[in-house]
Amino acid sequence: MQLRPFLALALLLVARPASAEEGFLDKLFGGSGRGAPPNPFASNYPSAPPSAEEARAARERRPVRGDRGAPAGPLPPGRIPEE
């Protein structure tokens, strides 16, 4: 018996239980992976600006300087406190 067909058969039998991850060929030939969005130019941000109510609610949620119970320390030079 020739060695080449025997080696090919042995390789096929040994490699049979091994299988690639699902979607491996798609990623290999240009498909998208799980972590990448299908459209690379897609934005994660909403297309419309927030409404006035949403902006006001976000401003109210933001902590103000010195809100932790301790008195506010001096401001660094060149900084103007927000009113």
PDB file of N, CA and C in Angstrom:
ATOM      1  N   MET A   1       0.850  -1.182   0.000  1.00  0.00           N
ATOM      2  CA  MET A   1       0.000   0.000   0.000  1.00  0.00           C
ATOM      3  C   MET A   1       0.889   1.237   0.000  1.00  0.00           C
ATOM      4  N   GLN A   2       0.454   2.238  -0.773  1.00  0.00           N
ATOM      5  CA  GLN A   2       1.244   3.467  -0.850  1.00  0.00           C
ATOM      6  C   GLN A   2       1.058   4.302   0.413  1.00  0.00           C
ATOM      7  N   LEU A   3       2.033   5.105   0.708  1.00  0.00           N
ATOM      8  CA  LEU A   3       2.033   5.886   1.941  1.00  0.00           C
ATOM      9  C   LEU A   3       1.098   7.101   1.864  1.00  0.00           C
ATOM     10  N   ARG A   4       1.013   7.755   0.723  1.00  0.00           N
ATOM     11  CA  ARG A   4       0.194   8.971   0.601  1.00  0.00           C
ATOM     12  C   ARG A   4      -1.286   8.738   0.879  1.00  0.00           C
ATOM     13  N   PRO A   5      -1.932   7.779   0.241  1.00  0.00           N
ATOM     14  CA  PRO A   5      -3.355   7.568   0.538  1.00  0.00           C
ATOM     15  C   PRO A   5      -3.588   7.171   1.995  1.00  0.00           C
ATOM     16  N   PHE A   6      -2.659   6.416   2.553  1.00  0.00           N
ATOM     17  CA  PHE A   6      -2.789   6.012   3.951  1.00  0.00           C
ATOM     18  C   PHE A   6      -2.712   7.232   4.877  1.00  0.00           C
ATOM     19  N   LEU A   7      -1.761   8.130   4.619  1.00  0.00           N
ATOM     20  CA  LEU A   7      -1.633   9.346   5.425  1.00  0.00           C
ATOM     21  C   LEU A   7      -2.858  10.254   5.262  1.00  0.00           C
ATOM     22  N   ALA A   8      -3.368  10.353   4.039  1.00  0.00           N
ATOM     23  CA  ALA A   8      -4.552  11.182   3.805  1.00  0.00           C
ATOM     24  C   ALA A   8      -5.756  10.623   4.560  1.00  0.00           C
ATOM     25  N   LEU A   9      -5.931   9.322   4.533  1.00  0.00           N
ATOM     26  CA  LEU A   9      -7.036   8.689   5.248  1.00  0.00           C
ATOM     27  C   LEU A   9      -6.878   8.875   6.759  1.00  0.00           C
ATOM     28  N   ALA A  10      -5.662   8.721   7.259  1.00  0.00           N
ATOM     29  CA  ALA A  10      -5.417   8.903   8.693  1.00  0.00           C
ATOM     30  C   ALA A  10      -5.694  10.348   9.110  1.00  0.00           C
ATOM     31  N   LEU A  11      -5.289  11.290   8.284  1.00  0.00           N
ATOM     32  CA  LEU A  11      -5.527  12.699   8.587  1.00  0.00           C
ATOM     33  C   LEU A  11      -7.020  13.010   8.605  1.00  0.00           C
ATOM     34  N   LEU A  12      -7.764  12.463   7.665  1.00  0.00           N
ATOM     35  CA  LEU A  12      -9.215  12.682   7.644  1.00  0.00           C
ATOM     36  C   LEU A  12      -9.890  12.087   8.876  1.00  0.00           C
ATOM     37  N   LEU A  13      -9.465  10.906   9.278  1.00  0.00           N
ATOM     38  CA  LEU A  13     -10.066  10.268  10.446  1.00  0.00           C
ATOM     39  C   LEU A  13      -9.740  11.016  11.734  1.00  0.00           C
ATOM     40  N   VAL A  14      -8.525  11.529  11.838  1.00  0.00           N
ATOM     41  CA  VAL A  14      -8.124  12.252  13.040  1.00  0.00           C
ATOM     42  C   VAL A  14      -8.803  13.621  13.101  1.00  0.00           C
ATOM     43  N   ALA A  15      -8.954  14.285  11.967  1.00  0.00           N
ATOM     44  CA  ALA A  15      -9.516  15.637  11.936  1.00  0.00           C
ATOM     45  C   ALA A  15     -11.035  15.638  11.957  1.00  0.00           C
ATOM     46  N   ARG A  16     -11.660  14.501  11.815  1.00  0.00           N
ATOM     47  CA  ARG A  16     -13.125  14.439  11.736  1.00  0.00           C
ATOM     48  C   ARG A  16     -13.821  14.985  12.986  1.00  0.00           C
ATOM     49  N   PRO A  17     -13.397  14.648  14.205  1.00  0.00           N
ATOM     50  CA  PRO A  17     -14.105  15.183  15.374  1.00  0.00           C
ATOM     51  C   PRO A  17     -13.872  16.678  15.596  1.00  0.00           C
ATOM     52  N   ALA A  18     -12.797  17.219  15.050  1.00  0.00           N
ATOM     53  CA  ALA A  18     -12.527  18.646  15.231  1.00  0.00           C
ATOM     54  C   ALA A  18     -13.458  19.453  14.341  1.00  0.00           C
ATOM     55  N   SER A  19     -14.005  20.522  14.889  1.00  0.00           N
ATOM     56  CA  SER A  19     -14.862  21.390  14.081  1.00  0.00           C
ATOM     57  C   SER A  19     -14.561  22.835  14.430  1.00  0.00           C
ATOM     58  N   ALA A  20     -14.698  23.684  13.455  1.00  0.00           N
ATOM     59  CA  ALA A  20     -14.422  25.108  13.664  1.00  0.00           C
ATOM     60  C   ALA A  20     -15.587  25.754  14.395  1.00  0.00           C
ATOM     61  N   GLU A  21     -15.314  26.907  14.978  1.00  0.00           N
ATOM     62  CA  GLU A  21     -16.347  27.679  15.668  1.00  0.00           C
ATOM     63  C   GLU A  21     -17.442  28.058  14.676  1.00  0.00           C
ATOM     64  N   GLU A  22     -18.663  28.150  15.157  1.00  0.00           N
ATOM     65  CA  GLU A  22     -19.780  28.509  14.291  1.00  0.00           C
ATOM     66  C   GLU A  22     -19.539  29.896  13.709  1.00  0.00           C
ATOM     67  N   GLY A  23     -19.687  30.033  12.409  1.00  0.00           N
ATOM     68  CA  GLY A  23     -19.470  31.307  11.744  1.00  0.00           C
ATOM     69  C   GLY A  23     -18.018  31.563  11.382  1.00  0.00           C
ATOM     70  N   PHE A  24     -17.156  30.567  11.545  1.00  0.00           N
ATOM     71  CA  PHE A  24     -15.731  30.764  11.260  1.00  0.00           C
ATOM     72  C   PHE A  24     -15.503  31.102   9.798  1.00  0.00           C
ATOM     73  N   LEU A  25     -16.153  30.363   8.898  1.00  0.00           N
ATOM     74  CA  LEU A  25     -15.940  30.615   7.473  1.00  0.00           C
ATOM     75  C   LEU A  25     -16.502  31.968   7.054  1.00  0.00           C
ATOM     76  N   ASP A  26     -17.596  32.396   7.683  1.00  0.00           N
ATOM     77  CA  ASP A  26     -18.145  33.712   7.356  1.00  0.00           C
ATOM     78  C   ASP A  26     -17.143  34.806   7.701  1.00  0.00           C
ATOM     79  N   LYS A  27     -16.546  34.706   8.892  1.00  0.00           N
ATOM     80  CA  LYS A  27     -15.567  35.717   9.299  1.00  0.00           C
ATOM     81  C   LYS A  27     -14.317  35.633   8.436  1.00  0.00           C
ATOM     82  N   LEU A  28     -13.945  34.420   8.060  1.00  0.00           N
ATOM     83  CA  LEU A  28     -12.738  34.233   7.277  1.00  0.00           C
ATOM     84  C   LEU A  28     -12.866  34.881   5.905  1.00  0.00           C
ATOM     85  N   PHE A  29     -14.054  34.816   5.321  1.00  0.00           N
ATOM     86  CA  PHE A  29     -14.250  35.338   3.973  1.00  0.00           C
ATOM     87  C   PHE A  29     -15.018  36.651   3.959  1.00  0.00           C
ATOM     88  N   GLY A  30     -14.819  37.491   4.952  1.00  0.00           N
ATOM     89  CA  GLY A  30     -15.362  38.841   4.907  1.00  0.00           C
ATOM     90  C   GLY A  30     -16.651  39.060   5.649  1.00  0.00           C
ATOM     91  N   GLY A  31     -17.198  38.068   6.294  1.00  0.00           N
ATOM     92  CA  GLY A  31     -18.417  38.268   7.068  1.00  0.00           C
ATOM     93  C   GLY A  31     -18.096  38.993   8.362  1.00  0.00           C
ATOM     94  N   SER A  32     -19.115  39.368   9.089  1.00  0.00           N
ATOM     95  CA  SER A  32     -18.875  40.089  10.335  1.00  0.00           C
ATOM     96  C   SER A  32     -18.818  39.107  11.494  1.00  0.00           C
ATOM     97  N   GLY A  33     -18.009  39.421  12.478  1.00  0.00           N
ATOM     98  CA  GLY A  33     -17.920  38.612  13.680  1.00  0.00           C
ATOM     99  C   GLY A  33     -19.024  38.995  14.635  1.00  0.00           C
ATOM    100  N   ARG A  34     -19.016  38.374  15.821  1.00  0.00           N
ATOM    101  CA  ARG A  34     -20.077  38.668  16.790  1.00  0.00           C
ATOM    102  C   ARG A  34     -19.956  40.081  17.342  1.00  0.00           C
ATOM    103  N   GLY A  35     -18.734  40.535  17.607  1.00  0.00           N
ATOM    104  CA  GLY A  35     -18.547  41.823  18.248  1.00  0.00           C
ATOM    105  C   GLY A  35     -18.645  43.005  17.309  1.00  0.00           C
ATOM    106  N   ALA A  36     -18.484  42.800  16.026  1.00  0.00           N
ATOM    107  CA  ALA A  36     -18.486  43.912  15.082  1.00  0.00           C
ATOM    108  C   ALA A  36     -19.893  44.158  14.556  1.00  0.00           C
ATOM    109  N   PRO A  37     -20.295  45.412  14.435  1.00  0.00           N
ATOM    110  CA  PRO A  37     -21.612  45.683  13.865  1.00  0.00           C
ATOM    111  C   PRO A  37     -21.611  45.348  12.375  1.00  0.00           C
ATOM    112  N   PRO A  38     -22.762  44.998  11.809  1.00  0.00           N
ATOM    113  CA  PRO A  38     -22.798  44.663  10.390  1.00  0.00           C
ATOM    114  C   PRO A  38     -22.430  45.853   9.517  1.00  0.00           C
ATOM    115  N   ASN A  39     -22.709  47.070   9.982  1.00  0.00           N
ATOM    116  CA  ASN A  39     -22.370  48.269   9.231  1.00  0.00           C
ATOM    117  C   ASN A  39     -21.280  49.004  10.000  1.00  0.00           C
ATOM    118  N   PRO A  40     -20.058  49.073   9.469  1.00  0.00           N
ATOM    119  CA  PRO A  40     -18.987  49.722  10.227  1.00  0.00           C
ATOM    120  C   PRO A  40     -19.199  51.215  10.403  1.00  0.00           C
ATOM    121  N   PHE A  41     -20.077  51.836   9.584  1.00  0.00           N
ATOM    122  CA  PHE A  41     -20.320  53.269   9.689  1.00  0.00           C
ATOM    123  C   PHE A  41     -21.538  53.581  10.548  1.00  0.00           C
ATOM    124  N   ALA A  42     -22.133  52.558  11.153  1.00  0.00           N
ATOM    125  CA  ALA A  42     -23.300  52.779  12.001  1.00  0.00           C
ATOM    126  C   ALA A  42     -22.872  53.494  13.273  1.00  0.00           C
ATOM    127  N   SER A  43     -23.737  54.353  13.753  1.00  0.00           N
ATOM    128  CA  SER A  43     -23.438  55.121  14.952  1.00  0.00           C
ATOM    129  C   SER A  43     -24.103  54.485  16.159  1.00  0.00           C
ATOM    130  N   ASN A  44     -23.460  54.602  17.294  1.00  0.00           N
ATOM    131  CA  ASN A  44     -24.046  54.117  18.534  1.00  0.00           C
ATOM    132  C   ASN A  44     -24.893  55.180  19.202  1.00  0.00           C
ATOM    133  N   TYR A  45     -24.935  56.367  18.617  1.00  0.00           N
ATOM    134  CA  TYR A  45     -25.659  57.472  19.211  1.00  0.00           C
ATOM    135  C   TYR A  45     -26.997  57.660  18.507  1.00  0.00           C
ATOM    136  N   PRO A  46     -28.004  58.155  19.210  1.00  0.00           N
ATOM    137  CA  PRO A  46     -29.288  58.397  18.561  1.00  0.00           C
ATOM    138  C   PRO A  46     -29.148  59.485  17.500  1.00  0.00           C
ATOM    139  N   SER A  47     -29.976  59.415  16.469  1.00  0.00           N
ATOM    140  CA  SER A  47     -29.853  60.366  15.371  1.00  0.00           C
ATOM    141  C   SER A  47     -30.444  61.725  15.712  1.00  0.00           C
ATOM    142  N   ALA A  48     -31.343  61.794  16.668  1.00  0.00           N
ATOM    143  CA  ALA A  48     -31.964  63.071  17.030  1.00  0.00           C
ATOM    144  C   ALA A  48     -31.346  63.584  18.331  1.00  0.00           C
ATOM    145  N   PRO A  49     -31.264  64.915  18.472  1.00  0.00           N
ATOM    146  CA  PRO A  49     -30.758  65.448  19.738  1.00  0.00           C
ATOM    147  C   PRO A  49     -31.746  65.168  20.857  1.00  0.00           C
ATOM    148  N   PRO A  50     -31.289  65.171  22.093  1.00  0.00           N
ATOM    149  CA  PRO A  50     -32.213  64.900  23.200  1.00  0.00           C
ATOM    150  C   PRO A  50     -33.249  66.010  23.328  1.00  0.00           C
ATOM    151  N   SER A  51     -34.410  65.632  23.797  1.00  0.00           N
ATOM    152  CA  SER A  51     -35.463  66.632  23.992  1.00  0.00           C
ATOM    153  C   SER A  51     -35.078  67.536  25.155  1.00  0.00           C
ATOM    154  N   ALA A  52     -35.808  68.643  25.299  1.00  0.00           N
ATOM    155  CA  ALA A  52     -35.523  69.587  26.379  1.00  0.00           C
ATOM    156  C   ALA A  52     -35.718  68.919  27.736  1.00  0.00           C
ATOM    157  N   GLU A  53     -36.715  68.056  27.834  1.00  0.00           N
ATOM    158  CA  GLU A  53     -36.963  67.358  29.105  1.00  0.00           C
ATOM    159  C   GLU A  53     -35.809  66.416  29.455  1.00  0.00           C
ATOM    160  N   GLU A  54     -35.302  65.690  28.456  1.00  0.00           N
ATOM    161  CA  GLU A  54     -34.183  64.777  28.704  1.00  0.00           C
ATOM    162  C   GLU A  54     -32.929  65.541  29.113  1.00  0.00           C
ATOM    163  N   ALA A  55     -32.672  66.682  28.441  1.00  0.00           N
ATOM    164  CA  ALA A  55     -31.495  67.487  28.769  1.00  0.00           C
ATOM    165  C   ALA A  55     -31.608  68.044  30.184  1.00  0.00           C
ATOM    166  N   ARG A  56     -32.794  68.513  30.555  1.00  0.00           N
ATOM    167  CA  ARG A  56     -33.004  69.059  31.897  1.00  0.00           C
ATOM    168  C   ARG A  56     -32.817  67.969  32.951  1.00  0.00           C
ATOM    169  N   ALA A  57     -33.354  66.779  32.673  1.00  0.00           N
ATOM    170  CA  ALA A  57     -33.220  65.669  33.621  1.00  0.00           C
ATOM    171  C   ALA A  57     -31.751  65.274  33.789  1.00  0.00           C
ATOM    172  N   ALA A  58     -30.983  65.290  32.707  1.00  0.00           N
ATOM    173  CA  ALA A  58     -29.562  64.944  32.790  1.00  0.00           C
ATOM    174  C   ALA A  58     -28.810  65.997  33.598  1.00  0.00           C
ATOM    175  N   ARG A  59     -29.161  67.275  33.415  1.00  0.00           N
ATOM    176  CA  ARG A  59     -28.513  68.339  34.184  1.00  0.00           C
ATOM    177  C   ARG A  59     -28.814  68.206  35.669  1.00  0.00           C
ATOM    178  N   GLU A  60     -30.035  67.811  35.996  1.00  0.00           N
ATOM    179  CA  GLU A  60     -30.413  67.671  37.402  1.00  0.00           C
ATOM    180  C   GLU A  60     -29.724  66.471  38.050  1.00  0.00           C
ATOM    181  N   ARG A  61     -29.448  65.430  37.271  1.00  0.00           N
ATOM    182  CA  ARG A  61     -28.790  64.234  37.805  1.00  0.00           C
ATOM    183  C   ARG A  61     -27.311  64.458  38.063  1.00  0.00           C
ATOM    184  N   ARG A  62     -26.683  65.380  37.316  1.00  0.00           N
ATOM    185  CA  ARG A  62     -25.248  65.611  37.449  1.00  0.00           C
ATOM    186  C   ARG A  62     -24.897  66.133  38.833  1.00  0.00           C
ATOM    187  N   PRO A  63     -23.855  65.609  39.441  1.00  0.00           N
ATOM    188  CA  PRO A  63     -23.460  66.132  40.758  1.00  0.00           C
ATOM    189  C   PRO A  63     -22.851  67.525  40.628  1.00  0.00           C
ATOM    190  N   VAL A  64     -23.098  68.343  41.607  1.00  0.00           N
ATOM    191  CA  VAL A  64     -22.573  69.701  41.627  1.00  0.00           C
ATOM    192  C   VAL A  64     -21.337  69.708  42.508  1.00  0.00           C
ATOM    193  N   ARG A  65     -20.431  70.617  42.256  1.00  0.00           N
ATOM    194  CA  ARG A  65     -19.192  70.697  43.039  1.00  0.00           C
ATOM    195  C   ARG A  65     -19.526  70.914  44.515  1.00  0.00           C
ATOM    196  N   GLY A  66     -18.947  70.106  45.368  1.00  0.00           N
ATOM    197  CA  GLY A  66     -19.170  70.228  46.796  1.00  0.00           C
ATOM    198  C   GLY A  66     -20.430  69.540  47.271  1.00  0.00           C
ATOM    199  N   ASP A  67     -20.999  68.676  46.456  1.00  0.00           N
ATOM    200  CA  ASP A  67     -22.247  67.992  46.793  1.00  0.00           C
ATOM    201  C   ASP A  67     -22.027  66.805  47.726  1.00  0.00           C
ATOM    202  N   ARG A  68     -20.790  66.448  48.015  1.00  0.00           N
ATOM    203  CA  ARG A  68     -20.510  65.228  48.777  1.00  0.00           C
ATOM    204  C   ARG A  68     -20.637  65.419  50.280  1.00  0.00           C
ATOM    205  N   GLY A  69     -21.055  66.573  50.720  1.00  0.00           N
ATOM    206  CA  GLY A  69     -21.182  66.801  52.148  1.00  0.00           C
ATOM    207  C   GLY A  69     -20.021  67.599  52.700  1.00  0.00           C
ATOM    208  N   ALA A  70     -18.910  67.636  51.991  1.00  0.00           N
ATOM    209  CA  ALA A  70     -17.753  68.413  52.427  1.00  0.00           C
ATOM    210  C   ALA A  70     -17.807  69.783  51.752  1.00  0.00           C
ATOM    211  N   PRO A  71     -17.275  70.807  52.382  1.00  0.00           N
ATOM    212  CA  PRO A  71     -17.282  72.127  51.734  1.00  0.00           C
ATOM    213  C   PRO A  71     -16.396  72.111  50.493  1.00  0.00           C
ATOM    214  N   ALA A  72     -16.781  72.910  49.512  1.00  0.00           N
ATOM    215  CA  ALA A  72     -16.031  72.962  48.263  1.00  0.00           C
ATOM    216  C   ALA A  72     -14.695  73.644  48.495  1.00  0.00           C
ATOM    217  N   GLY A  73     -13.651  73.084  47.941  1.00  0.00           N
ATOM    218  CA  GLY A  73     -12.321  73.663  48.075  1.00  0.00           C
ATOM    219  C   GLY A  73     -12.124  74.784  47.073  1.00  0.00           C
ATOM    220  N   PRO A  74     -10.975  75.407  47.090  1.00  0.00           N
ATOM    221  CA  PRO A  74     -10.721  76.501  46.147  1.00  0.00           C
ATOM    222  C   PRO A  74     -10.623  75.962  44.720  1.00  0.00           C
ATOM    223  N   LEU A  75     -11.022  76.799  43.772  1.00  0.00           N
ATOM    224  CA  LEU A  75     -10.955  76.411  42.369  1.00  0.00           C
ATOM    225  C   LEU A  75      -9.537  76.595  41.853  1.00  0.00           C
ATOM    226  N   PRO A  76      -9.112  75.784  40.901  1.00  0.00           N
ATOM    227  CA  PRO A  76      -7.797  75.985  40.299  1.00  0.00           C
ATOM    228  C   PRO A  76      -7.771  77.321  39.554  1.00  0.00           C
ATOM    229  N   PRO A  77      -6.602  77.922  39.393  1.00  0.00           N
ATOM    230  CA  PRO A  77      -6.537  79.208  38.703  1.00  0.00           C
ATOM    231  C   PRO A  77      -7.025  79.081  37.260  1.00  0.00           C
ATOM    232  N   GLY A  78      -7.742  80.082  36.810  1.00  0.00           N
ATOM    233  CA  GLY A  78      -8.238  80.107  35.436  1.00  0.00           C
ATOM    234  C   GLY A  78      -9.558  79.405  35.242  1.00  0.00           C
ATOM    235  N   ARG A  79     -10.125  78.821  36.272  1.00  0.00           N
ATOM    236  CA  ARG A  79     -11.408  78.142  36.152  1.00  0.00           C
ATOM    237  C   ARG A  79     -12.520  79.049  36.647  1.00  0.00           C
ATOM    238  N   ILE A  80     -13.606  79.068  35.932  1.00  0.00           N
ATOM    239  CA  ILE A  80     -14.767  79.855  36.335  1.00  0.00           C
ATOM    240  C   ILE A  80     -15.823  78.877  36.816  1.00  0.00           C
ATOM    241  N   PRO A  81     -16.346  79.063  38.017  1.00  0.00           N
ATOM    242  CA  PRO A  81     -17.362  78.117  38.501  1.00  0.00           C
ATOM    243  C   PRO A  81     -18.641  78.212  37.681  1.00  0.00           C
ATOM    244  N   GLU A  82     -19.264  77.059  37.478  1.00  0.00           N
ATOM    245  CA  GLU A  82     -20.543  77.037  36.761  1.00  0.00           C
ATOM    246  C   GLU A  82     -21.623  77.585  37.669  1.00  0.00           C
ATOM    247  N   GLU A  83     -22.525  78.310  37.071  1.00  0.00           N
ATOM    248  CA  GLU A  83     -23.605  78.893  37.877  1.00  0.00           C
ATOM    249  C   GLU A  83     -24.862  78.098  37.723  1.00  0.00           C
TER     250      GLU A  83
END
